Amino acid sequence: MKRWNPRREPSKKEQLLLKRLKRTRKLFSFLRLHRHEIFDDRFQRELEQIYRQTGAGSEPNPPAMMCMVLLLQGYMGISDAEAVEMTVVDARWQMVLDCLQAEEPLFSQGALQAFRERLIAMDMDRRLLERTREIAKRTEEFDWKKLPKRLSIAIDSRPLLGAGKVEDTYNLLGHAARKIVECATRLTGCSYKQICMEAGITLLQYKSIKAGLDINWNDPEQKDEALERLVRQVISLHEWLERLQIADEEPLRPYIKAVAQVQQQDLEIGTDGTVKLKRGVAADRRVSIEDEQMRHGRKSKSKRFEGYKEHIAADLDSGLIVACGLTAANRPEDEATEQLAEDMKRQNIRIAELSVDRAYINSELVQSVREARGEILCKPWSGRNNRGEYFVKRDFNIDMRSKTITCPAGHAEYFEPGQAVEFDAEDCSACRLRGQCTHSASGRGRTVQISQDERLQHRLRKLQKTRDGRERLRKRTGIEHRLSHIAARKGPKARYKGIRKNLFDLRRAAAIQNFETIHRSILAKNATYDKKAKAA
């Protein structure tokens, strides 16, 4: 297999281009000057493993060059088709790819797509992110040796809108049925209209399902009748496929499965035998036909989104992103920590300090860091009371050593983590502070919930009360800055469909972010040298 072997020393034309890249799009300059370090012989051998060495077929493009193309594509935020053209019309791309004055594209759009799929299949996108830390360690200006051996890691997440179209139950069924008919036209050779007539699903002859149903959508009875009509026609379509014995064909199978999933999650048989919409929302409800892994999620109680959650872990001292994860929008944040922990374990990262938000506090990663005597930094639960005039949890004195909790009036009770403590009813009834403490009926005492991780919460509350503690908690803003840079680069919406491809896109963006961090460090160090030289 042909290996990428670009020149090291810049030509005169390249030197002119490098001078033009000091204010904008500086990463082109970094990639040109350090491409031989990023893609050294060892890493190129790793990339070559994504191809079978059988000798059959045409020789592929050098994997290292194609990997560089993916980095440039992510940096510019362009499509595959544009990436192909950039190798001809953009001198910056040509400089980085070592093809100045090229008049023909270096690769085809299909070749780029095939390479990306191979890279994902072999999990080499994770290796690319790991490679950025290796480059940082080799870069003298980055001062890697001055960084601590055990790292200060922070984790954060952001919502990512899915690329698939979000639809209601009517349109989900109609969309899937339309895809089934389109696939059936290719399998049978019949026309679209002919299949609709033979299969008894005439609603698909209209531009949209709701146009075909043509009802007053504010009338509940008409909506129920329309749903019954749609479901009957979808069932008729499936029976037609069964008669032709093509229901198990591969092109049809994903959409038939989608129809069954939508029916199971959204529909039920009423007492009168008719089909009705279920009340409430299914726990893992499918929201899109084109992207089956998208889900409903919430950024807050009032803000809902459909898609995924992106998670990153970064070293706060070096500013480098060390691991990435992606989950469906309806999954809790702590599920992503298993993937993040695995990626960090591959890099032999030992965590001295883990900074997280409260959504991650019950994760296994937090528990493992605590067991290894690492420190957890997190904003503690506020302990607010819905009735502002009453004492809140922080007004009680909690002694973790003796496992006692003392109320403002001086009455104490023993507790165990994870239980609700109820103070003696007689003490509470006679207490002068009862009106400030509880509104429970006479004969019952005040209750206080003790968390399973109360010891950790207790320490975090104490940390928040001191200036030094609040300063340490503010260090977490570093991960928020990294996440905001990725959001600015990628935008609010997913580029691809499905978890795995969007994880690749996140890892690529993180690798680009790391290269920019390394480049800034180099530029800052060089500026310091220049200033000292002028002073001398």
Protein backbone atom coordinates (compact mmCIF):
# COMPACT_ATOMS: atom_id res chain seq x y z
CA MET A 1 0.00 0.00 0.00
CA LYS A 2 1.27 3.43 -0.93
CA ARG A 3 2.23 5.51 2.10
CA TRP A 4 1.82 9.27 2.36
CA ASN A 5 5.23 10.90 2.34
CA PRO A 6 4.82 14.69 2.01
CA ARG A 7 7.81 17.03 1.94
CA ARG A 8 8.98 18.52 5.23
CA GLU A 9 10.53 21.84 4.29
CA PRO A 10 8.08 24.45 2.95
CA SER A 11 8.57 25.57 -0.63
CA LYS A 12 8.64 29.27 -1.56
CA LYS A 13 4.95 29.16 -2.48
CA GLU A 14 4.13 27.48 0.81
CA GLN A 15 6.16 30.05 2.75
CA LEU A 16 4.06 32.81 1.18
CA LEU A 17 0.88 30.97 2.15
CA LEU A 18 2.10 30.43 5.71
CA LYS A 19 2.68 34.18 6.10
CA ARG A 20 -0.93 34.78 5.08
CA LEU A 21 -2.23 32.41 7.77
CA LYS A 22 -1.15 34.37 10.84
CA ARG A 23 -4.54 35.97 11.56
CA THR A 24 -7.25 33.63 10.27
CA ARG A 25 -7.49 29.87 9.78
CA LYS A 26 -4.21 29.37 11.61
CA LEU A 27 -4.67 25.61 11.89
CA PHE A 28 -3.75 25.19 8.22
CA SER A 29 -0.31 26.44 9.15
CA PHE A 30 0.00 24.04 12.11
CA LEU A 31 -1.12 21.02 10.07
CA ARG A 32 1.32 21.85 7.29
CA LEU A 33 4.31 22.28 9.60
CA HIS A 34 3.52 19.27 11.83
CA ARG A 35 1.91 16.79 9.43
CA HIS A 36 5.02 14.56 9.44
CA GLU A 37 4.84 14.38 13.26
CA ILE A 38 1.10 13.70 13.37
CA PHE A 39 1.31 10.99 10.72
CA ASP A 40 4.63 9.37 11.49
CA ASP A 41 5.47 5.86 10.26
CA ARG A 42 3.99 4.17 13.34
CA PHE A 43 0.64 5.94 13.11
CA GLN A 44 0.50 5.40 9.36
CA ARG A 45 0.95 1.66 9.95
CA GLU A 46 -1.99 1.74 12.36
CA LEU A 47 -4.16 3.52 9.79
CA GLU A 48 -3.20 1.01 7.10
CA GLN A 49 -4.71 -1.79 9.22
CA ILE A 50 -8.21 -0.61 8.31
CA TYR A 51 -7.62 -2.14 4.84
CA ARG A 52 -7.33 -5.86 4.15
CA GLN A 53 -3.93 -6.74 2.71
CA THR A 54 -5.20 -9.18 0.07
CA GLY A 55 -3.84 -7.45 -3.02
CA ALA A 56 -7.30 -7.60 -4.61
CA GLY A 57 -9.02 -4.53 -5.98
CA SER A 58 -7.56 -1.14 -6.80
CA GLU A 59 -4.99 0.44 -4.52
CA PRO A 60 -6.61 2.83 -2.02
CA ASN A 61 -5.52 6.40 -1.40
CA PRO A 62 -2.88 6.74 1.35
CA PRO A 63 -4.84 6.40 4.63
CA ALA A 64 -2.84 9.16 6.34
CA MET A 65 -3.71 11.61 3.58
CA MET A 66 -7.40 10.68 3.78
CA CYS A 67 -7.32 11.09 7.56
CA MET A 68 -5.88 14.58 7.07
CA VAL A 69 -8.73 15.30 4.64
CA LEU A 70 -11.26 14.37 7.35
CA LEU A 71 -9.55 16.79 9.74
CA LEU A 72 -9.66 19.59 7.16
CA GLN A 73 -13.29 18.80 6.39
CA GLY A 74 -14.22 19.04 10.07
CA TYR A 75 -12.21 22.24 10.46
CA MET A 76 -14.02 23.92 7.57
CA GLY A 77 -17.41 22.29 8.27
CA ILE A 78 -18.05 21.30 4.66
CA SER A 79 -19.65 18.37 2.81
CA ASP A 80 -17.87 15.45 1.15
CA ALA A 81 -18.51 16.95 -2.29
CA GLU A 82 -16.97 20.27 -1.25
CA ALA A 83 -13.97 18.50 0.29
CA VAL A 84 -13.25 16.88 -3.08
CA GLU A 85 -13.33 20.24 -4.85
CA MET A 86 -11.18 21.96 -2.21
CA THR A 87 -8.19 19.86 -3.26
CA VAL A 88 -8.32 21.72 -6.59
CA VAL A 89 -9.58 25.22 -5.82
CA ASP A 90 -8.15 26.01 -2.34
CA ALA A 91 -4.40 26.61 -2.06
CA ARG A 92 -4.52 26.08 1.73
CA TRP A 93 -5.86 22.56 1.27
CA GLN A 94 -3.31 21.89 -1.44
CA MET A 95 -0.49 23.09 0.84
CA VAL A 96 -1.52 20.80 3.69
CA LEU A 97 -2.13 17.81 1.39
CA ASP A 98 1.11 18.40 -0.56
CA CYS A 99 -0.59 18.87 -3.92
CA LEU A 100 0.01 22.52 -4.89
CA GLN A 101 -1.04 23.34 -8.44
CA ALA A 102 -3.17 20.18 -8.65
CA GLU A 103 -5.69 20.31 -11.50
CA GLU A 104 -7.57 17.11 -10.64
CA PRO A 105 -9.08 16.03 -7.29
CA LEU A 106 -6.91 13.71 -5.19
CA PHE A 107 -9.83 11.39 -4.43
CA SER A 108 -13.50 10.81 -5.21
CA GLN A 109 -16.48 11.49 -2.99
CA GLY A 110 -17.13 7.76 -2.73
CA ALA A 111 -13.54 7.11 -1.65
CA LEU A 112 -13.86 9.66 1.17
CA GLN A 113 -17.11 8.12 2.39
CA ALA A 114 -15.65 4.61 2.25
CA PHE A 115 -12.57 5.68 4.19
CA ARG A 116 -14.68 7.34 6.90
CA GLU A 117 -16.76 4.18 7.28
CA ARG A 118 -13.61 2.06 7.61
CA LEU A 119 -12.14 4.47 10.15
CA ILE A 120 -15.32 4.26 12.25
CA ALA A 121 -15.58 0.48 11.95
CA MET A 122 -12.02 0.04 13.28
CA ASP A 123 -12.54 2.65 16.05
CA MET A 124 -9.63 4.69 14.68
CA ASP A 125 -11.42 7.98 15.38
CA ARG A 126 -10.75 7.33 19.06
CA ARG A 127 -7.12 6.63 18.20
CA LEU A 128 -6.96 9.97 16.34
CA LEU A 129 -8.04 11.81 19.49
CA GLU A 130 -5.46 9.93 21.54
CA ARG A 131 -2.88 10.92 18.95
CA THR A 132 -3.37 14.61 19.77
CA ARG A 133 -2.15 14.02 23.35
CA GLU A 134 0.86 12.14 22.01
CA ILE A 135 1.71 15.11 19.78
CA ALA A 136 1.35 17.46 22.76
CA LYS A 137 3.79 15.35 24.76
CA ARG A 138 6.36 15.57 21.95
CA THR A 139 5.96 19.32 21.49
CA GLU A 140 8.69 21.08 23.43
CA GLU A 141 6.79 24.37 23.66
CA PHE A 142 3.86 22.61 25.35
CA ASP A 143 5.90 21.94 28.54
CA TRP A 144 4.29 18.55 29.13
CA LYS A 145 6.85 17.57 31.77
CA LYS A 146 5.70 20.42 34.01
CA LEU A 147 2.16 19.04 34.19
CA PRO A 148 1.19 16.78 37.14
CA LYS A 149 1.20 12.99 36.71
CA ARG A 150 -2.31 12.66 38.10
CA LEU A 151 -4.68 14.90 36.19
CA SER A 152 -7.46 17.30 37.02
CA ILE A 153 -10.30 16.11 34.77
CA ALA A 154 -13.63 17.84 34.14
CA ILE A 155 -16.71 16.41 32.41
CA ASP A 156 -19.62 18.24 30.81
CA SER A 157 -22.31 17.74 28.17
CA ARG A 158 -24.45 19.66 25.70
CA PRO A 159 -27.62 18.87 23.71
CA LEU A 160 -27.24 17.96 20.03
CA LEU A 161 -30.29 18.22 17.80
CA GLY A 162 -30.77 15.13 15.63
CA ALA A 163 -30.49 15.20 11.84
CA GLY A 164 -33.66 13.15 11.34
CA LYS A 165 -37.07 14.72 10.92
CA VAL A 166 -39.17 14.65 14.12
CA GLU A 167 -42.77 13.59 13.43
CA ASP A 168 -46.00 12.78 15.25
CA THR A 169 -47.63 9.33 15.16
CA TYR A 170 -49.61 9.94 11.95
CA ASN A 171 -46.56 11.11 10.02
CA LEU A 172 -44.29 8.42 11.51
CA LEU A 173 -46.60 5.70 10.21
CA GLY A 174 -47.06 7.48 6.88
CA HIS A 175 -43.33 8.11 6.44
CA ALA A 176 -42.42 4.48 7.13
CA ALA A 177 -45.19 3.21 4.83
CA ARG A 178 -44.03 5.53 2.04
CA LYS A 179 -40.47 4.17 2.37
CA ILE A 180 -41.82 0.61 2.21
CA VAL A 181 -43.67 1.35 -1.04
CA GLU A 182 -40.60 3.05 -2.54
CA CYS A 183 -38.47 -0.01 -1.74
CA ALA A 184 -41.18 -2.32 -3.08
CA THR A 185 -41.15 -0.50 -6.44
CA ARG A 186 -37.47 -1.43 -6.83
CA LEU A 187 -38.03 -5.03 -5.77
CA THR A 188 -41.13 -5.71 -7.90
CA GLY A 189 -40.68 -3.38 -10.85
CA CYS A 190 -44.21 -2.06 -10.36
CA SER A 191 -44.97 1.66 -10.33
CA TYR A 192 -45.53 3.57 -7.09
CA LYS A 193 -49.18 4.26 -7.93
CA GLN A 194 -49.83 0.65 -8.90
CA ILE A 195 -48.49 -0.63 -5.57
CA CYS A 196 -50.60 1.88 -3.63
CA MET A 197 -53.73 0.69 -5.42
CA GLU A 198 -52.97 -3.04 -5.13
CA ALA A 199 -51.86 -2.79 -1.48
CA GLY A 200 -54.87 -0.70 -0.50
CA ILE A 201 -52.91 2.25 0.84
CA THR A 202 -54.25 5.07 -1.32
CA LEU A 203 -53.36 7.71 1.29
CA LEU A 204 -49.76 7.55 0.04
CA GLN A 205 -50.80 9.02 -3.33
CA TYR A 206 -51.15 12.43 -1.69
CA LYS A 207 -48.24 14.76 -0.99
CA SER A 208 -48.59 14.13 2.72
CA ILE A 209 -50.53 11.75 4.95
CA LYS A 210 -52.46 14.56 6.60
CA ALA A 211 -53.41 16.02 3.23
CA GLY A 212 -54.78 12.62 2.27
CA LEU A 213 -56.74 12.27 5.51
CA ASP A 214 -58.11 15.82 5.06
CA ILE A 215 -59.93 16.29 8.38
CA ASN A 216 -60.47 18.99 10.97
CA TRP A 217 -57.53 18.31 13.27
CA ASN A 218 -59.21 20.16 16.13
CA ASP A 219 -61.99 17.56 16.25
CA PRO A 220 -61.03 14.56 18.48
CA GLU A 221 -63.58 12.23 16.86
CA GLN A 222 -62.30 12.96 13.35
CA LYS A 223 -58.72 12.41 14.55
CA ASP A 224 -59.67 8.98 15.95
CA GLU A 225 -61.41 8.03 12.70
CA ALA A 226 -58.39 9.20 10.66
CA LEU A 227 -56.03 7.14 12.82
CA GLU A 228 -58.22 4.05 12.38
CA ARG A 229 -58.24 4.60 8.61
CA LEU A 230 -54.47 5.05 8.44
CA VAL A 231 -53.74 1.94 10.54
CA ARG A 232 -56.10 -0.17 8.39
CA GLN A 233 -54.25 0.87 5.24
CA VAL A 234 -50.83 0.23 6.81
CA ILE A 235 -51.99 -3.27 7.82
CA SER A 236 -53.29 -3.79 4.27
CA LEU A 237 -49.86 -2.86 2.92
CA HIS A 238 -48.16 -5.40 5.18
CA GLU A 239 -50.58 -8.13 4.11
CA TRP A 240 -49.81 -7.32 0.46
CA LEU A 241 -46.08 -7.71 1.16
CA GLU A 242 -46.75 -11.06 2.84
CA ARG A 243 -48.71 -12.30 -0.17
CA LEU A 244 -45.76 -11.44 -2.44
CA GLN A 245 -43.36 -13.01 0.10
CA ILE A 246 -41.08 -9.97 0.13
CA ALA A 247 -41.70 -8.73 3.70
CA ASP A 248 -38.36 -10.20 4.86
CA GLU A 249 -36.30 -8.55 2.12
CA GLU A 250 -33.47 -6.41 3.53
CA PRO A 251 -34.48 -3.02 2.05
CA LEU A 252 -37.96 -3.37 3.58
CA ARG A 253 -37.05 -4.82 6.95
CA PRO A 254 -35.95 -1.59 8.78
CA TYR A 255 -39.15 0.23 7.82
CA ILE A 256 -41.43 -2.69 8.68
CA LYS A 257 -39.68 -2.80 12.04
CA ALA A 258 -40.24 0.97 12.40
CA VAL A 259 -43.98 0.59 11.77
CA ALA A 260 -44.22 -2.13 14.44
CA GLN A 261 -42.23 0.02 16.89
CA VAL A 262 -44.47 3.08 16.36
CA GLN A 263 -47.62 0.99 16.76
CA GLN A 264 -46.34 -0.54 19.99
CA GLN A 265 -45.19 2.74 21.55
CA ASP A 266 -48.04 5.05 20.48
CA LEU A 267 -51.18 2.97 19.85
CA GLU A 268 -53.57 0.85 21.87
CA ILE A 269 -56.89 -0.92 21.31
CA GLY A 270 -59.77 0.87 23.02
CA THR A 271 -62.65 -0.82 24.86
CA ASP A 272 -64.76 -0.50 21.71
CA GLY A 273 -62.14 -2.34 19.64
CA THR A 274 -60.90 0.73 17.76
CA VAL A 275 -57.30 1.94 17.58
CA LYS A 276 -56.50 4.94 19.76
CA LEU A 277 -53.46 6.98 20.73
CA LYS A 278 -51.98 6.02 24.08
CA ARG A 279 -52.08 8.55 26.88
CA GLY A 280 -48.65 9.80 27.94
CA VAL A 281 -45.31 9.28 26.24
CA ALA A 282 -43.44 5.96 26.03
CA ALA A 283 -40.21 5.86 27.99
CA ASP A 284 -38.00 5.21 24.95
CA ARG A 285 -40.24 6.67 22.24
CA ARG A 286 -38.96 6.73 18.68
CA VAL A 287 -39.37 10.21 17.20
CA SER A 288 -37.92 9.85 13.69
CA ILE A 289 -38.05 7.30 10.89
CA GLU A 290 -34.76 8.36 9.26
CA ASP A 291 -32.77 8.32 12.53
CA GLU A 292 -33.99 5.51 14.75
CA GLN A 293 -31.63 6.40 17.65
CA MET A 294 -32.87 9.97 18.19
CA ARG A 295 -34.91 10.51 21.35
CA HIS A 296 -36.79 13.19 23.27
CA GLY A 297 -34.63 14.93 25.88
CA ARG A 298 -34.75 17.89 28.22
CA LYS A 299 -32.18 20.57 28.85
CA SER A 300 -34.41 21.92 31.62
CA LYS A 301 -38.00 21.53 32.79
CA SER A 302 -39.19 23.99 30.14
CA LYS A 303 -36.73 23.30 27.30
CA ARG A 304 -37.14 20.08 25.31
CA PHE A 305 -35.06 18.86 22.39
CA GLU A 306 -34.87 15.78 20.14
CA GLY A 307 -31.56 14.14 19.39
CA TYR A 308 -28.51 13.32 21.47
CA LYS A 309 -26.21 14.47 24.26
CA GLU A 310 -22.53 15.07 23.60
CA HIS A 311 -20.15 14.45 26.50
CA ILE A 312 -16.48 15.41 26.77
CA ALA A 313 -13.78 14.96 29.40
CA ALA A 314 -10.88 17.45 29.42
CA ASP A 315 -7.66 17.92 31.33
CA LEU A 316 -8.01 21.32 33.03
CA ASP A 317 -4.25 21.84 33.33
CA SER A 318 -3.32 21.25 29.70
CA GLY A 319 -6.67 22.26 28.20
CA LEU A 320 -6.78 19.09 26.06
CA ILE A 321 -9.90 17.01 25.53
CA VAL A 322 -9.05 13.43 26.47
CA ALA A 323 -12.30 11.51 25.87
CA CYS A 324 -15.71 11.85 24.19
CA GLY A 325 -19.05 10.14 24.54
CA LEU A 326 -22.49 10.31 22.93
CA THR A 327 -25.84 9.15 24.28
CA ALA A 328 -29.46 9.44 23.24
CA ALA A 329 -31.16 12.56 24.58
CA ASN A 330 -33.36 10.62 27.01
CA ARG A 331 -30.49 8.85 28.76
CA PRO A 332 -29.10 10.15 32.08
CA GLU A 333 -25.67 11.80 31.97
CA ASP A 334 -24.00 9.23 34.19
CA GLU A 335 -24.44 6.53 31.50
CA ALA A 336 -21.82 8.30 29.37
CA THR A 337 -19.11 8.03 32.04
CA GLU A 338 -18.52 4.34 31.31
CA GLN A 339 -17.42 5.20 27.77
CA LEU A 340 -15.37 8.19 28.97
CA ALA A 341 -13.68 6.07 31.65
CA GLU A 342 -12.78 3.38 29.10
CA ASP A 343 -11.19 5.95 26.77
CA MET A 344 -9.18 7.46 29.63
CA LYS A 345 -8.07 4.01 30.81
CA ARG A 346 -6.63 3.32 27.34
CA GLN A 347 -4.44 6.41 27.81
CA ASN A 348 -3.38 5.43 31.35
CA ILE A 349 -4.93 8.60 32.76
CA ARG A 350 -4.99 8.72 36.54
CA ILE A 351 -7.46 11.20 38.00
CA ALA A 352 -6.46 13.25 41.03
CA GLU A 353 -9.41 15.62 40.81
CA LEU A 354 -12.70 15.15 38.98
CA SER A 355 -14.93 18.17 38.37
CA VAL A 356 -18.50 17.37 37.34
CA ASP A 357 -21.98 18.80 37.52
CA ARG A 358 -24.67 17.17 39.63
CA ALA A 359 -26.00 15.02 36.78
CA TYR A 360 -22.81 12.88 36.92
CA ILE A 361 -22.51 12.66 40.71
CA ASN A 362 -24.01 9.12 40.98
CA SER A 363 -21.88 7.65 38.20
CA GLU A 364 -19.47 4.73 38.62
CA LEU A 365 -16.62 7.00 37.51
CA VAL A 366 -17.19 9.32 40.48
CA GLN A 367 -17.30 6.31 42.78
CA SER A 368 -14.06 4.85 41.35
CA VAL A 369 -12.26 8.21 41.73
CA ARG A 370 -13.38 8.42 45.36
CA GLU A 371 -12.22 4.84 45.98
CA ALA A 372 -8.81 5.77 44.53
CA ARG A 373 -8.72 8.71 47.00
CA GLY A 374 -9.20 11.28 44.29
CA GLU A 375 -11.16 14.44 44.95
CA ILE A 376 -14.61 15.22 43.57
CA LEU A 377 -15.54 18.83 42.83
CA CYS A 378 -19.19 19.56 42.21
CA LYS A 379 -21.73 22.23 43.05
CA PRO A 380 -23.70 20.73 45.98
CA TRP A 381 -27.46 20.37 46.11
CA SER A 382 -28.94 23.57 47.44
CA GLY A 383 -31.34 21.88 49.88
CA ARG A 384 -34.14 24.33 49.17
CA ASN A 385 -37.57 24.05 50.77
CA ASN A 386 -40.65 24.61 48.64
CA ARG A 387 -42.05 26.73 51.46
CA GLY A 388 -39.54 29.53 51.88
CA GLU A 389 -40.54 30.32 55.48
CA TYR A 390 -39.38 26.94 56.84
CA PHE A 391 -35.93 25.72 57.90
CA VAL A 392 -34.02 23.96 55.12
CA LYS A 393 -31.59 21.09 55.37
CA ARG A 394 -28.55 23.33 55.68
CA ASP A 395 -30.05 24.80 58.87
CA PHE A 396 -29.57 21.39 60.51
CA ASN A 397 -26.19 20.35 61.90
CA ILE A 398 -25.12 17.06 60.30
CA ASP A 399 -22.21 15.23 61.96
CA MET A 400 -20.95 12.55 59.61
CA ARG A 401 -18.59 11.01 62.17
CA SER A 402 -21.24 10.33 64.79
CA LYS A 403 -24.01 10.00 62.15
CA THR A 404 -26.24 12.40 64.00
CA ILE A 405 -28.39 15.28 62.78
CA THR A 406 -29.32 18.12 65.13
CA CYS A 407 -32.24 20.46 64.47
CA PRO A 408 -32.15 24.22 65.12
CA ALA A 409 -33.85 23.64 68.49
CA GLY A 410 -31.08 21.26 69.61
CA HIS A 411 -32.84 17.90 69.26
CA ALA A 412 -30.65 15.14 67.74
CA GLU A 413 -31.38 11.92 65.86
CA TYR A 414 -29.16 9.16 64.48
CA PHE A 415 -29.23 8.39 60.76
CA GLU A 416 -27.91 6.07 58.08
CA PRO A 417 -27.05 7.34 54.55
CA GLY A 418 -29.94 6.95 52.13
CA GLN A 419 -32.74 7.14 54.70
CA ALA A 420 -35.24 9.78 55.76
CA VAL A 421 -34.82 10.88 59.37
CA GLU A 422 -37.99 11.72 61.32
CA PHE A 423 -37.57 13.68 64.55
CA ASP A 424 -39.49 12.66 67.63
CA ALA A 425 -43.13 13.73 67.29
CA GLU A 426 -43.44 14.73 70.97
CA ASP A 427 -40.32 16.93 70.77
CA CYS A 428 -41.61 18.60 67.61
CA SER A 429 -45.11 19.16 69.02
CA ALA A 430 -43.74 20.98 72.08
CA CYS A 431 -41.00 22.86 70.18
CA ARG A 432 -41.14 26.65 70.14
CA LEU A 433 -39.73 26.64 66.57
CA ARG A 434 -42.31 24.24 65.12
CA GLY A 435 -43.98 27.02 63.11
CA GLN A 436 -40.66 27.69 61.36
CA CYS A 437 -39.80 24.04 60.84
CA THR A 438 -42.76 21.97 59.63
CA HIS A 439 -46.37 22.16 58.56
CA SER A 440 -47.05 18.47 59.18
CA ALA A 441 -50.06 17.44 61.24
CA SER A 442 -49.85 17.16 64.99
CA GLY A 443 -48.40 13.84 66.07
CA ARG A 444 -45.74 13.83 63.38
CA GLY A 445 -42.19 15.17 63.49
CA ARG A 446 -40.05 16.96 60.92
CA THR A 447 -38.41 14.70 58.33
CA VAL A 448 -35.05 15.29 56.63
CA GLN A 449 -33.81 13.14 53.73
CA ILE A 450 -30.20 11.95 54.10
CA SER A 451 -28.61 11.22 50.71
CA GLN A 452 -26.69 8.04 49.96
CA ASP A 453 -23.69 10.27 49.18
CA GLU A 454 -24.35 12.61 52.13
CA ARG A 455 -20.70 12.55 53.17
CA LEU A 456 -19.67 13.88 49.77
CA GLN A 457 -22.47 16.47 49.73
CA HIS A 458 -21.49 17.57 53.24
CA ARG A 459 -17.88 18.13 52.15
CA LEU A 460 -18.97 20.00 49.02
CA ARG A 461 -21.21 22.32 51.03
CA LYS A 462 -18.30 23.12 53.33
CA LEU A 463 -16.10 23.74 50.28
CA GLN A 464 -18.62 26.18 48.83
CA LYS A 465 -18.57 28.29 52.00
CA THR A 466 -14.88 29.26 51.66
CA ARG A 467 -13.22 31.57 49.15
CA ASP A 468 -10.58 28.97 48.22
CA GLY A 469 -13.28 26.35 47.81
CA ARG A 470 -15.36 28.53 45.50
CA GLU A 471 -12.25 29.29 43.45
CA ARG A 472 -11.58 25.56 43.02
CA LEU A 473 -15.17 24.97 41.95
CA ARG A 474 -14.82 27.72 39.34
CA LYS A 475 -12.01 25.81 37.62
CA ARG A 476 -14.77 23.85 35.94
CA THR A 477 -15.36 26.76 33.58
CA GLY A 478 -12.46 25.37 31.53
CA ILE A 479 -14.56 22.43 30.35
CA GLU A 480 -17.45 24.78 29.57
CA HIS A 481 -15.17 26.82 27.31
CA ARG A 482 -14.03 23.67 25.50
CA LEU A 483 -17.63 22.60 25.00
CA SER A 484 -18.64 26.04 23.73
CA HIS A 485 -15.81 25.96 21.16
CA ILE A 486 -17.02 22.58 19.91
CA ALA A 487 -20.60 23.88 19.76
CA ALA A 488 -19.45 26.90 17.74
CA ARG A 489 -17.56 24.63 15.34
CA LYS A 490 -20.23 21.98 14.86
CA GLY A 491 -23.39 24.01 15.34
CA PRO A 492 -26.52 22.93 17.23
CA LYS A 493 -27.55 20.16 14.81
CA ALA A 494 -26.01 16.75 14.17
CA ARG A 495 -24.14 16.28 10.91
CA TYR A 496 -24.90 12.55 10.66
CA LYS A 497 -27.63 10.12 11.64
CA GLY A 498 -27.07 7.62 14.43
CA ILE A 499 -24.96 7.55 17.57
CA ARG A 500 -21.77 6.05 16.15
CA LYS A 501 -21.31 8.46 13.24
CA ASN A 502 -22.03 11.46 15.44
CA LEU A 503 -19.52 10.16 17.99
CA PHE A 504 -16.96 10.15 15.18
CA ASP A 505 -17.86 13.77 14.39
CA LEU A 506 -17.47 14.73 18.06
CA ARG A 507 -14.08 13.02 18.34
CA ARG A 508 -12.93 14.71 15.15
CA ALA A 509 -14.01 18.13 16.49
CA ALA A 510 -12.21 17.38 19.77
CA ALA A 511 -9.03 16.42 17.90
CA ILE A 512 -9.18 19.68 15.92
CA GLN A 513 -9.75 21.58 19.17
CA ASN A 514 -6.71 19.92 20.72
CA PHE A 515 -4.51 20.78 17.75
CA GLU A 516 -5.60 24.41 18.06
CA THR A 517 -4.74 24.32 21.78
CA ILE A 518 -1.28 22.96 21.01
CA HIS A 519 -0.79 25.54 18.27
CA ARG A 520 -1.74 28.40 20.62
CA SER A 521 0.76 27.13 23.15
CA ILE A 522 3.49 27.08 20.51
CA LEU A 523 2.64 30.60 19.33
CA ALA A 524 2.59 31.92 22.92
CA LYS A 525 5.98 30.36 23.68
CA ASN A 526 7.48 31.76 20.49
CA ALA A 527 6.10 35.22 21.30
CA THR A 528 7.79 35.03 24.72
CA TYR A 529 11.12 34.11 23.12
CA ASP A 530 10.79 37.00 20.65
CA LYS A 531 10.04 39.45 23.45
CA LYS A 532 13.08 38.29 25.43
CA ALA A 533 15.27 38.51 22.34
CA LYS A 534 14.17 42.10 21.68
CA ALA A 535 14.76 43.05 25.31
CA ALA A 536 18.29 41.64 25.14
